[in-house]
N, C-alpha and C. Protein backbone atom coordinates (compact mmCIF):
# COMPACT_ATOMS: atom_id res chain seq x y z
N MET A 1 -24.28 14.71 -14.63
CA MET A 1 -23.64 13.61 -14.54
C MET A 1 -23.14 13.19 -13.07
N ASP A 2 -23.27 12.04 -12.46
CA ASP A 2 -22.87 11.72 -11.18
C ASP A 2 -21.26 11.97 -11.05
N ASN A 3 -20.80 12.47 -9.78
CA ASN A 3 -19.40 12.78 -9.76
C ASN A 3 -18.61 11.64 -9.94
N TYR A 4 -18.94 10.30 -9.50
CA TYR A 4 -17.99 9.17 -9.74
C TYR A 4 -17.86 8.76 -11.19
N LYS A 5 -18.87 9.15 -12.18
CA LYS A 5 -18.80 8.73 -13.38
C LYS A 5 -17.73 9.75 -13.95
N ARG A 6 -17.76 10.90 -13.45
CA ARG A 6 -16.68 11.87 -14.06
C ARG A 6 -15.43 11.30 -13.86
N LEU A 7 -15.09 10.85 -12.69
CA LEU A 7 -13.67 10.10 -12.25
C LEU A 7 -13.43 9.05 -13.42
N LEU A 8 -14.43 8.14 -13.79
CA LEU A 8 -14.32 7.25 -14.65
C LEU A 8 -13.71 7.67 -15.91
N LEU A 9 -14.49 8.59 -16.34
CA LEU A 9 -14.33 9.35 -17.81
C LEU A 9 -12.95 9.96 -17.75
N ALA A 10 -12.50 10.77 -16.72
CA ALA A 10 -11.32 11.34 -16.61
C ALA A 10 -10.17 10.25 -16.63
N ASN A 11 -10.33 9.07 -16.08
CA ASN A 11 -9.38 8.15 -16.10
C ASN A 11 -9.17 7.54 -17.77
N LYS A 12 -10.21 7.66 -18.47
CA LYS A 12 -10.06 7.03 -19.76
C LYS A 12 -9.33 8.20 -20.60
N ALA A 13 -9.53 9.40 -20.40
CA ALA A 13 -8.88 10.44 -21.13
C ALA A 13 -7.33 10.53 -20.58
N TRP A 14 -7.19 10.34 -19.42
CA TRP A 14 -5.68 10.02 -18.88
C TRP A 14 -4.90 8.97 -19.63
N VAL A 15 -5.64 7.86 -19.93
CA VAL A 15 -5.04 6.82 -20.41
C VAL A 15 -4.65 7.15 -21.79
N GLN A 16 -5.64 7.57 -22.54
CA GLN A 16 -5.46 8.05 -23.89
C GLN A 16 -4.16 9.01 -24.11
N GLU A 17 -4.14 10.07 -23.20
CA GLU A 17 -3.09 10.86 -23.14
C GLU A 17 -1.80 10.23 -22.96
N LYS A 18 -1.66 9.27 -21.96
CA LYS A 18 -0.28 8.64 -21.81
C LYS A 18 -0.01 7.71 -22.95
N LEU A 19 -0.92 7.18 -23.66
CA LEU A 19 -0.70 6.23 -24.66
C LEU A 19 -0.28 7.09 -25.76
N SER A 20 -0.82 8.14 -26.09
CA SER A 20 -0.23 9.03 -27.35
C SER A 20 1.15 9.41 -27.16
N LEU A 21 1.57 9.66 -25.90
CA LEU A 21 2.92 10.04 -25.58
C LEU A 21 3.80 8.87 -25.77
N SER A 22 3.31 7.66 -25.14
CA SER A 22 4.17 6.55 -25.10
C SER A 22 3.28 5.32 -25.23
N PRO A 23 3.34 4.76 -26.30
CA PRO A 23 2.39 3.47 -26.50
C PRO A 23 2.66 2.46 -25.56
N ASN A 24 3.97 2.32 -24.99
CA ASN A 24 4.25 1.14 -24.12
C ASN A 24 4.25 1.75 -22.56
N PHE A 25 3.73 2.84 -22.25
CA PHE A 25 3.64 3.48 -21.15
C PHE A 25 3.27 2.54 -20.02
N PHE A 26 1.93 1.84 -20.18
CA PHE A 26 1.57 0.97 -19.09
C PHE A 26 2.15 -0.43 -18.98
N GLY A 27 2.57 -0.69 -20.32
CA GLY A 27 3.29 -2.06 -20.25
C GLY A 27 4.70 -2.00 -19.42
N ASP A 28 5.37 -0.89 -19.72
CA ASP A 28 6.57 -0.82 -18.95
C ASP A 28 6.32 -0.51 -17.48
N LEU A 29 5.41 0.29 -17.15
CA LEU A 29 5.01 0.45 -15.86
C LEU A 29 4.57 -0.72 -14.96
N ALA A 30 3.86 -1.76 -15.60
CA ALA A 30 3.32 -2.85 -14.98
C ALA A 30 4.72 -4.02 -14.78
N LYS A 31 5.69 -3.73 -15.36
CA LYS A 31 6.81 -4.78 -15.08
C LYS A 31 7.40 -4.72 -13.73
N GLU A 32 7.70 -3.49 -13.23
CA GLU A 32 8.27 -3.16 -11.84
C GLU A 32 8.03 -1.75 -11.31
N GLN A 33 8.29 -1.51 -10.32
CA GLN A 33 8.40 -0.14 -9.65
C GLN A 33 9.85 -0.06 -9.07
N LYS A 34 10.49 1.17 -9.39
CA LYS A 34 11.60 1.53 -8.61
C LYS A 34 11.61 2.91 -8.20
N PRO A 35 10.86 3.26 -7.09
CA PRO A 35 10.72 4.60 -6.74
C PRO A 35 11.94 5.04 -5.80
N GLU A 36 12.42 6.18 -5.91
CA GLU A 36 13.65 6.62 -5.07
C GLU A 36 13.01 7.31 -3.69
N PHE A 37 11.77 7.57 -3.80
CA PHE A 37 11.25 8.32 -2.60
C PHE A 37 10.00 7.51 -1.91
N LEU A 38 10.11 7.50 -0.59
CA LEU A 38 8.81 7.20 0.22
C LEU A 38 8.30 8.60 0.74
N TRP A 39 7.11 8.79 0.56
CA TRP A 39 6.39 10.15 0.92
C TRP A 39 5.49 9.71 2.03
N ILE A 40 5.63 10.31 3.24
CA ILE A 40 4.74 10.10 4.36
C ILE A 40 4.14 11.50 4.39
N GLY A 41 2.79 11.49 4.09
CA GLY A 41 2.20 12.76 3.98
C GLY A 41 0.84 12.63 4.79
N CYS A 42 0.20 13.89 4.86
CA CYS A 42 -1.24 13.92 5.47
C CYS A 42 -2.16 13.59 4.38
N SER A 43 -3.22 13.15 4.94
CA SER A 43 -4.40 12.51 4.02
C SER A 43 -5.26 13.61 3.43
N ASP A 44 -4.89 14.93 3.77
CA ASP A 44 -5.76 16.10 3.09
C ASP A 44 -5.70 16.00 1.63
N SER A 45 -6.94 15.92 1.14
CA SER A 45 -7.16 15.72 -0.35
C SER A 45 -6.44 16.92 -1.07
N ARG A 46 -6.14 18.06 -0.61
CA ARG A 46 -5.57 19.15 -1.39
C ARG A 46 -4.09 18.90 -1.22
N VAL A 47 -3.51 17.98 -0.95
CA VAL A 47 -1.88 17.85 -0.75
C VAL A 47 -1.65 16.37 -1.47
N PRO A 48 -1.84 16.18 -2.74
CA PRO A 48 -1.49 14.91 -3.47
C PRO A 48 -0.01 14.97 -3.78
N ALA A 49 0.73 13.83 -3.42
CA ALA A 49 2.28 14.00 -3.44
C ALA A 49 2.56 14.16 -4.99
N GLU A 50 2.13 13.22 -5.87
CA GLU A 50 2.55 13.25 -7.30
C GLU A 50 2.28 14.62 -7.89
N GLU A 51 1.12 15.22 -7.63
CA GLU A 51 0.70 16.50 -8.28
C GLU A 51 1.53 17.60 -7.92
N ILE A 52 1.82 17.73 -6.67
CA ILE A 52 2.57 19.13 -6.24
C ILE A 52 4.09 18.87 -6.44
N THR A 53 4.45 17.78 -6.69
CA THR A 53 6.04 17.55 -6.97
C THR A 53 6.21 17.19 -8.54
N GLY A 54 5.24 17.21 -9.29
CA GLY A 54 5.49 16.99 -10.74
C GLY A 54 5.90 15.63 -11.28
N THR A 55 5.72 14.61 -10.38
CA THR A 55 6.36 13.23 -10.54
C THR A 55 5.17 12.37 -11.27
N ALA A 56 5.69 11.38 -11.96
CA ALA A 56 5.00 10.43 -12.81
C ALA A 56 4.63 9.20 -11.81
N PRO A 57 3.68 8.21 -12.24
CA PRO A 57 3.49 7.02 -11.57
C PRO A 57 4.73 6.32 -11.42
N GLY A 58 4.99 5.72 -10.34
CA GLY A 58 6.14 4.77 -10.04
C GLY A 58 7.22 5.60 -9.57
N GLU A 59 7.30 6.91 -9.55
CA GLU A 59 8.41 7.64 -8.84
C GLU A 59 8.47 7.88 -7.24
N ILE A 60 7.11 7.70 -6.79
CA ILE A 60 7.07 8.13 -5.36
C ILE A 60 6.24 6.96 -4.77
N PHE A 61 6.63 6.20 -3.86
CA PHE A 61 5.98 5.23 -2.95
C PHE A 61 5.24 6.14 -1.79
N THR A 62 3.93 6.02 -1.53
CA THR A 62 3.17 6.93 -0.88
C THR A 62 2.53 6.16 0.35
N HIS A 63 2.41 6.82 1.33
CA HIS A 63 1.77 6.63 2.70
C HIS A 63 1.22 7.80 3.15
N ARG A 64 -0.25 7.78 3.55
CA ARG A 64 -0.76 8.98 3.85
C ARG A 64 -1.70 8.92 5.17
N ASN A 65 -1.53 9.69 6.09
CA ASN A 65 -2.60 9.56 7.27
C ASN A 65 -2.78 10.94 7.84
N ILE A 66 -3.86 11.05 8.85
CA ILE A 66 -4.14 12.31 9.56
C ILE A 66 -2.81 12.85 10.06
N ALA A 67 -2.50 14.04 9.63
CA ALA A 67 -1.23 14.75 10.14
C ALA A 67 -0.08 14.19 10.06
N ASN A 68 0.20 13.37 9.08
CA ASN A 68 1.37 12.65 8.69
C ASN A 68 2.20 12.16 9.90
N LEU A 69 1.80 11.31 10.64
CA LEU A 69 2.30 10.74 11.87
C LEU A 69 3.19 9.56 11.48
N VAL A 70 4.12 9.39 12.19
CA VAL A 70 4.96 8.11 12.24
C VAL A 70 4.82 7.57 13.72
N ASN A 71 3.85 6.66 13.81
CA ASN A 71 3.51 6.15 15.06
C ASN A 71 3.88 4.73 15.29
N HIS A 72 4.63 4.51 16.35
CA HIS A 72 5.54 3.14 16.58
C HIS A 72 4.33 2.05 16.81
N THR A 73 3.15 2.30 16.61
CA THR A 73 1.92 1.29 16.88
C THR A 73 1.18 1.19 15.72
N ASP A 74 1.58 1.85 14.64
CA ASP A 74 0.72 1.89 13.30
C ASP A 74 1.44 0.90 12.59
N PHE A 75 1.01 -0.32 12.28
CA PHE A 75 1.52 -1.23 11.61
C PHE A 75 1.45 -1.14 10.01
N ASN A 76 0.19 -0.49 9.64
CA ASN A 76 0.19 0.04 8.35
C ASN A 76 1.35 0.77 7.87
N LEU A 77 1.85 1.84 8.57
CA LEU A 77 2.82 2.77 8.37
C LEU A 77 4.17 1.90 8.34
N LEU A 78 4.35 1.26 9.43
CA LEU A 78 5.36 0.37 9.65
C LEU A 78 5.72 -0.69 8.50
N SER A 79 4.52 -1.30 8.03
CA SER A 79 4.69 -2.21 6.83
C SER A 79 5.13 -1.41 5.44
N VAL A 80 4.53 -0.26 5.44
CA VAL A 80 4.90 0.44 4.11
C VAL A 80 6.54 0.97 4.10
N LEU A 81 6.85 1.47 5.42
CA LEU A 81 8.26 1.87 5.71
C LEU A 81 9.12 0.77 5.37
N SER A 82 8.74 -0.61 5.88
CA SER A 82 9.62 -1.66 5.73
C SER A 82 9.69 -2.26 4.27
N PHE A 83 8.59 -2.05 3.52
CA PHE A 83 8.65 -2.57 2.14
C PHE A 83 9.41 -1.55 1.39
N ALA A 84 9.19 -0.24 1.59
CA ALA A 84 9.85 0.78 0.81
C ALA A 84 11.37 0.80 1.03
N VAL A 85 11.92 0.53 2.31
CA VAL A 85 13.15 0.66 2.51
C VAL A 85 13.90 -0.67 2.43
N GLU A 86 13.33 -1.71 2.67
CA GLU A 86 14.06 -3.08 2.58
C GLU A 86 13.77 -3.65 1.29
N TYR A 87 12.87 -3.49 0.42
CA TYR A 87 12.72 -4.12 -0.81
C TYR A 87 12.62 -3.13 -1.85
N LEU A 88 12.16 -2.13 -1.77
CA LEU A 88 12.27 -1.09 -2.89
C LEU A 88 13.58 -0.23 -2.95
N LYS A 89 14.18 -0.23 -1.83
CA LYS A 89 15.44 0.37 -1.78
C LYS A 89 15.50 1.89 -1.84
N VAL A 90 14.36 2.48 -1.40
CA VAL A 90 14.17 3.86 -1.62
C VAL A 90 15.50 4.78 -0.88
N LYS A 91 15.98 5.73 -1.63
CA LYS A 91 16.92 6.50 -1.23
C LYS A 91 16.68 7.73 -0.35
N HIS A 92 15.49 8.17 -0.28
CA HIS A 92 14.86 9.20 0.67
C HIS A 92 13.68 8.93 1.15
N VAL A 93 13.43 9.29 2.31
CA VAL A 93 12.06 9.13 2.94
C VAL A 93 11.69 10.63 3.42
N ILE A 94 10.62 11.04 2.60
CA ILE A 94 10.14 12.49 3.10
C ILE A 94 8.90 12.38 3.96
N VAL A 95 8.97 13.15 5.03
CA VAL A 95 7.81 13.34 5.87
C VAL A 95 7.23 14.83 5.63
N CYS A 96 6.09 15.07 4.93
CA CYS A 96 5.57 16.06 4.42
C CYS A 96 4.33 16.62 5.11
N GLY A 97 4.37 17.75 5.70
CA GLY A 97 3.22 18.19 6.55
C GLY A 97 2.83 19.47 5.75
N HIS A 98 1.71 20.09 6.14
CA HIS A 98 1.07 21.39 5.46
C HIS A 98 0.67 22.25 6.36
N TYR A 99 0.86 23.38 6.07
CA TYR A 99 0.31 24.68 6.83
C TYR A 99 -1.19 24.75 6.73
N GLY A 100 -1.82 24.99 7.82
CA GLY A 100 -3.35 24.89 7.75
C GLY A 100 -3.80 23.55 8.10
N CYS A 101 -3.03 22.63 8.62
CA CYS A 101 -3.44 21.21 8.83
C CYS A 101 -4.41 21.19 9.80
N GLY A 102 -5.62 20.56 9.51
CA GLY A 102 -6.82 20.41 10.21
C GLY A 102 -6.60 19.37 11.49
N GLY A 103 -5.75 18.35 11.28
CA GLY A 103 -5.37 17.58 12.36
C GLY A 103 -4.50 18.21 13.49
N VAL A 104 -3.52 19.07 13.08
CA VAL A 104 -2.96 19.89 13.96
C VAL A 104 -3.81 20.78 14.76
N LYS A 105 -4.62 21.56 14.11
CA LYS A 105 -5.61 22.46 14.59
C LYS A 105 -6.60 21.83 15.72
N ALA A 106 -6.92 20.56 15.34
CA ALA A 106 -7.72 19.77 16.18
C ALA A 106 -7.02 19.38 17.41
N ALA A 107 -5.64 19.10 17.32
CA ALA A 107 -4.90 18.67 18.47
C ALA A 107 -4.82 19.99 19.50
N LEU A 108 -4.56 21.05 18.87
CA LEU A 108 -4.50 22.22 19.79
C LEU A 108 -5.97 22.77 20.40
N SER A 109 -6.86 21.96 20.13
CA SER A 109 -8.20 22.59 20.70
C SER A 109 -8.58 21.26 21.87
N SER A 110 -9.85 21.60 22.56
CA SER A 110 -10.16 20.74 23.62
C SER A 110 -11.48 19.91 23.17
N HIS A 111 -11.73 20.07 21.84
CA HIS A 111 -12.88 19.43 21.32
C HIS A 111 -12.65 18.04 21.39
N ARG A 112 -13.76 17.06 21.28
CA ARG A 112 -13.64 15.70 21.24
C ARG A 112 -14.04 15.28 19.91
N TYR A 113 -13.22 14.40 19.23
CA TYR A 113 -13.36 13.95 17.62
C TYR A 113 -13.56 12.36 17.76
N GLY A 114 -13.96 11.78 18.79
CA GLY A 114 -13.98 10.32 18.84
C GLY A 114 -12.61 9.69 18.77
N VAL A 115 -12.38 8.81 17.90
CA VAL A 115 -11.20 7.73 17.84
C VAL A 115 -10.06 8.74 17.35
N LEU A 116 -10.26 9.96 16.57
CA LEU A 116 -9.20 10.79 16.24
C LEU A 116 -8.53 11.46 17.25
N ASP A 117 -9.23 11.43 18.58
CA ASP A 117 -8.55 11.99 19.80
C ASP A 117 -7.25 11.14 20.10
N GLU A 118 -7.45 10.07 20.11
CA GLU A 118 -6.25 8.89 20.56
C GLU A 118 -5.10 9.23 19.28
N TRP A 119 -5.44 9.23 18.11
CA TRP A 119 -4.46 9.48 17.18
C TRP A 119 -3.79 10.74 17.09
N LEU A 120 -4.36 11.68 17.67
CA LEU A 120 -3.69 13.13 17.89
C LEU A 120 -3.11 13.38 19.13
N ARG A 121 -3.08 12.46 20.04
CA ARG A 121 -2.36 12.56 21.23
C ARG A 121 -1.04 12.94 21.10
N GLN A 122 -0.37 12.18 20.13
CA GLN A 122 1.06 12.60 19.88
C GLN A 122 1.44 14.08 19.63
N ILE A 123 0.48 14.59 18.76
CA ILE A 123 0.58 16.06 18.67
C ILE A 123 0.40 16.85 19.78
N LYS A 124 -0.64 16.67 20.66
CA LYS A 124 -0.68 17.26 21.94
C LYS A 124 0.41 17.02 22.87
N ASP A 125 1.17 15.99 22.86
CA ASP A 125 2.33 15.82 23.46
C ASP A 125 3.52 16.69 23.03
N SER A 126 3.53 16.80 21.65
CA SER A 126 4.63 17.74 21.01
C SER A 126 4.26 19.15 21.47
N TYR A 127 2.90 19.49 21.46
CA TYR A 127 2.58 20.86 22.02
C TYR A 127 3.05 21.17 23.45
N HIS A 128 2.76 20.06 24.24
CA HIS A 128 3.02 20.08 25.73
C HIS A 128 4.75 20.30 25.95
N ASP A 129 5.55 19.53 24.98
CA ASP A 129 6.87 19.66 25.04
C ASP A 129 7.59 21.02 24.45
N ASN A 130 6.72 21.76 23.76
CA ASN A 130 7.32 22.92 23.05
C ASN A 130 6.28 23.98 23.37
N ARG A 131 5.52 24.04 24.33
CA ARG A 131 4.61 25.04 24.44
C ARG A 131 4.78 26.41 24.42
N GLU A 132 6.14 26.80 24.97
CA GLU A 132 6.55 28.29 24.82
C GLU A 132 6.66 28.53 23.27
N LEU A 133 7.47 27.82 22.53
CA LEU A 133 7.72 27.94 21.21
C LEU A 133 6.44 28.21 20.40
N VAL A 134 5.50 27.37 20.74
CA VAL A 134 4.20 27.39 20.17
C VAL A 134 3.46 28.63 20.28
N THR A 135 3.42 29.02 21.42
CA THR A 135 2.35 30.07 21.91
C THR A 135 2.99 31.36 21.64
N HIS A 136 4.50 31.46 21.59
CA HIS A 136 5.19 32.69 21.06
C HIS A 136 5.06 33.06 19.60
N ALA A 137 4.48 32.04 18.90
CA ALA A 137 4.45 32.23 17.24
C ALA A 137 3.57 33.06 16.75
N GLY A 138 2.62 33.63 17.58
CA GLY A 138 1.68 34.47 17.13
C GLY A 138 -0.04 34.12 17.44
N ASP A 139 -0.81 34.60 16.40
CA ASP A 139 -2.22 34.03 16.80
C ASP A 139 -2.44 32.82 16.63
N LEU A 140 -3.62 32.13 16.66
CA LEU A 140 -3.85 30.66 16.68
C LEU A 140 -3.40 29.95 15.29
N ASP A 141 -3.67 30.74 14.42
CA ASP A 141 -3.19 29.83 13.03
C ASP A 141 -1.76 29.91 13.06
N GLN A 142 -0.92 31.10 13.60
CA GLN A 142 0.40 30.99 13.42
C GLN A 142 0.90 30.01 14.44
N GLN A 143 0.22 29.60 15.47
CA GLN A 143 0.65 28.69 16.38
C GLN A 143 0.47 27.45 15.83
N ALA A 144 -0.60 27.19 15.22
CA ALA A 144 -0.84 25.82 14.54
C ALA A 144 0.28 25.62 13.48
N ASP A 145 0.48 26.52 12.66
CA ASP A 145 1.54 26.35 11.49
C ASP A 145 2.95 26.00 12.45
N LYS A 146 3.26 26.82 13.31
CA LYS A 146 4.68 26.18 13.98
C LYS A 146 4.51 24.92 14.62
N LEU A 147 3.33 24.36 15.18
CA LEU A 147 3.24 23.12 15.70
C LEU A 147 3.25 22.16 14.44
N VAL A 148 2.87 22.57 13.20
CA VAL A 148 2.96 21.73 12.04
C VAL A 148 4.42 21.38 11.74
N GLU A 149 5.22 22.66 11.86
CA GLU A 149 6.77 22.20 11.72
C GLU A 149 7.21 21.39 12.74
N ILE A 150 7.08 21.61 14.04
CA ILE A 150 7.43 20.82 15.24
C ILE A 150 7.03 19.24 14.90
N ASN A 151 5.84 19.09 14.57
CA ASN A 151 5.35 17.77 14.25
C ASN A 151 6.17 17.13 13.11
N ILE A 152 6.54 17.66 12.20
CA ILE A 152 7.34 17.13 11.00
C ILE A 152 8.69 16.68 11.73
N HIS A 153 9.34 17.48 12.45
CA HIS A 153 10.53 17.16 13.10
C HIS A 153 10.34 15.97 13.93
N GLU A 154 9.42 15.83 14.71
CA GLU A 154 9.18 14.80 15.72
C GLU A 154 8.99 13.47 14.88
N GLN A 155 8.20 13.53 13.76
CA GLN A 155 8.08 12.29 12.84
C GLN A 155 9.31 11.89 12.21
N LEU A 156 10.18 12.77 12.15
CA LEU A 156 11.55 12.28 11.52
C LEU A 156 12.26 11.62 12.48
N LYS A 157 12.25 12.16 13.90
CA LYS A 157 13.00 11.49 15.12
C LYS A 157 12.13 10.05 15.39
N ASN A 158 10.96 10.00 15.06
CA ASN A 158 10.48 8.78 15.31
C ASN A 158 11.02 7.65 14.40
N LEU A 159 11.07 8.06 13.02
CA LEU A 159 11.70 7.29 11.95
C LEU A 159 13.23 6.80 12.38
N MET A 160 13.85 7.72 12.87
CA MET A 160 15.11 7.21 13.45
C MET A 160 15.22 6.29 14.31
N LYS A 161 13.94 6.32 15.03
CA LYS A 161 14.08 5.16 16.18
C LYS A 161 13.62 3.75 15.90
N THR A 162 13.28 3.69 14.55
CA THR A 162 12.78 2.48 14.14
C THR A 162 13.96 1.39 13.59
N ASN A 163 13.64 0.22 13.70
CA ASN A 163 14.86 -0.76 13.52
C ASN A 163 15.13 -0.78 11.87
N VAL A 164 13.98 -0.41 11.15
CA VAL A 164 14.00 -0.29 9.79
C VAL A 164 15.13 0.60 9.29
N ILE A 165 14.97 1.63 9.64
CA ILE A 165 15.81 2.91 9.36
C ILE A 165 17.19 2.57 9.97
N GLN A 166 17.41 2.17 11.12
CA GLN A 166 18.71 2.00 11.62
C GLN A 166 19.45 0.83 10.96
N LYS A 167 18.73 -0.11 10.48
CA LYS A 167 19.36 -1.31 10.08
C LYS A 167 19.77 -0.76 8.52
N ALA A 168 19.10 -0.12 7.80
CA ALA A 168 19.40 0.49 6.42
C ALA A 168 20.64 1.26 6.65
N TRP A 169 20.52 2.22 7.67
CA TRP A 169 21.69 3.05 7.68
C TRP A 169 22.98 2.34 7.86
N HIS A 170 22.96 1.32 8.70
CA HIS A 170 24.18 0.54 9.17
C HIS A 170 24.70 -0.26 7.99
N GLU A 171 23.97 -0.72 7.23
CA GLU A 171 24.29 -1.58 6.26
C GLU A 171 24.30 -0.98 4.69
N GLU A 172 23.63 0.00 4.45
CA GLU A 172 23.70 0.69 3.13
C GLU A 172 23.86 2.15 3.09
N ARG A 173 23.88 2.81 4.14
CA ARG A 173 24.10 4.37 4.38
C ARG A 173 23.06 4.87 3.66
N ARG A 174 21.85 4.51 3.69
CA ARG A 174 20.47 5.06 3.23
C ARG A 174 19.35 4.75 3.99
N PRO A 175 18.35 5.43 4.04
CA PRO A 175 17.92 6.59 3.25
C PRO A 175 18.25 7.83 4.01
N ILE A 176 18.15 8.97 3.14
CA ILE A 176 18.37 10.25 3.87
C ILE A 176 16.75 10.55 4.17
N LEU A 177 16.61 11.16 5.36
CA LEU A 177 15.32 11.60 5.84
C LEU A 177 15.01 13.02 5.61
N HIS A 178 13.96 13.36 5.27
CA HIS A 178 13.67 14.79 4.90
C HIS A 178 12.47 15.29 5.61
N GLY A 179 12.37 16.45 6.04
CA GLY A 179 11.26 17.17 6.70
C GLY A 179 10.73 18.19 5.81
N TRP A 180 9.51 18.24 5.07
CA TRP A 180 9.15 19.25 4.17
C TRP A 180 7.74 19.77 4.70
N VAL A 181 7.62 20.89 4.35
CA VAL A 181 6.09 21.45 4.55
C VAL A 181 5.62 22.08 3.37
N TYR A 182 4.40 21.88 3.13
CA TYR A 182 3.66 22.49 1.73
C TYR A 182 2.75 23.55 2.27
N GLY A 183 3.00 24.71 1.52
CA GLY A 183 2.06 25.99 1.73
C GLY A 183 0.70 25.82 1.05
N MET A 184 -0.29 25.78 1.56
CA MET A 184 -1.58 25.52 0.97
C MET A 184 -1.97 26.89 0.20
N SER A 185 -1.50 27.99 0.74
CA SER A 185 -1.87 29.29 0.09
C SER A 185 -1.03 29.40 -1.33
N ASP A 186 0.19 29.03 -1.26
CA ASP A 186 0.95 29.50 -2.50
C ASP A 186 1.53 28.15 -3.34
N GLY A 187 1.13 27.08 -2.80
CA GLY A 187 1.56 25.71 -3.49
C GLY A 187 2.93 25.40 -3.39
N LEU A 188 3.74 26.11 -2.73
CA LEU A 188 5.20 25.71 -2.50
C LEU A 188 5.59 24.85 -1.55
N LEU A 189 6.59 23.90 -1.81
CA LEU A 189 7.13 22.99 -0.79
C LEU A 189 8.39 23.52 -0.23
N LYS A 190 8.65 23.44 0.94
CA LYS A 190 9.84 24.01 1.69
C LYS A 190 10.51 22.98 2.61
N SER A 191 11.81 22.84 2.33
CA SER A 191 12.59 22.01 3.07
C SER A 191 13.01 22.38 4.23
N LEU A 192 12.54 21.78 5.46
CA LEU A 192 12.87 22.23 6.68
C LEU A 192 14.12 21.50 7.46
N TYR A 193 13.92 20.24 7.31
CA TYR A 193 15.01 19.37 7.94
C TYR A 193 15.53 18.42 7.07
N LYS A 194 16.88 17.94 7.35
CA LYS A 194 17.49 16.87 6.57
C LYS A 194 18.38 16.18 7.36
N ILE A 195 18.16 14.64 7.51
CA ILE A 195 18.82 13.95 8.46
C ILE A 195 19.65 12.81 7.71
N GLU A 196 20.99 13.00 7.77
CA GLU A 196 21.76 11.98 6.85
C GLU A 196 21.82 10.67 7.63
N PRO A 197 22.02 9.62 6.86
CA PRO A 197 22.32 8.28 7.56
C PRO A 197 23.44 8.28 8.48
N GLY A 198 23.20 7.73 9.50
CA GLY A 198 24.27 7.60 10.57
C GLY A 198 24.08 8.67 11.51
N SER A 199 23.21 9.63 11.47
CA SER A 199 23.30 10.68 12.59
C SER A 199 22.94 10.25 13.86
N PRO A 200 23.44 10.88 14.97
CA PRO A 200 23.35 10.57 16.22
C PRO A 200 21.95 9.94 16.70
N ILE A 201 21.79 8.86 17.43
CA ILE A 201 20.42 8.73 17.93
C ILE A 201 20.75 8.36 19.53
N GLU A 202 19.75 8.79 20.36
CA GLU A 202 19.96 8.58 21.61
C GLU A 202 20.12 7.05 22.09
N ASP A 203 20.88 6.74 22.97
CA ASP A 203 21.51 5.41 23.29
C ASP A 203 20.06 4.62 23.60
N ILE A 204 19.29 5.07 24.25
CA ILE A 204 17.99 4.26 24.65
C ILE A 204 17.37 3.71 23.36
N TYR A 205 17.31 4.61 22.33
CA TYR A 205 16.66 4.12 20.98
C TYR A 205 17.41 3.35 20.20
N ARG A 206 18.75 3.27 20.19
CA ARG A 206 19.65 2.87 19.20
C ARG A 206 19.75 1.18 19.58
N PHE A 207 19.72 0.66 18.20
CA PHE A 207 19.85 -0.87 18.40
C PHE A 207 21.40 -1.26 18.03
N ASP A 208 22.01 -2.28 18.56
CA ASP A 208 23.14 -2.59 18.22
C ASP A 208 23.17 -3.56 16.83
N TYR A 209 24.14 -3.22 15.98
CA TYR A 209 24.50 -4.04 14.78
C TYR A 209 25.88 -4.42 14.62
């Protein structure tokens, strides 16, 4: 059987399972979505947000890209952030990276990857600013994992610099920003950082309200 046909058959089985538990499952789901969480994660196929958090459809609004970056020129990410915060009124924004991230490892190398090189530039900058901390972490894999953690923190800081987050903090004291990392080898999520609404922002990045 072709692999894509297996996906279609699995979907039918999933539908039947949901309907057997709740005949109105899809009718209720189609009416609206009220997720409490925005998940900004890595595109890695081994880190599906709903699967590793045990959540159901409608509970997490999701954006994924290579190495879970919050880039101020990425209008895809910014559109998702705006919709989640301003219209869905999410209470939490989670930036979730993962150990063994291929994007981070690529950023640590001097290999050329085409357009990906420009995307990973931000991670290279983070390495440059934290070189001693990274190089003292151990072997290359340990260095990459340390940079994974640093990258997550950098993306939280990038979120704080956005007008979307600052406006929501000022007007509604939400959302809380979280930095999590997923362990590929054990399946566990670990909370690394938590930034409460109204946390200090450097003056040059702060908007007046």
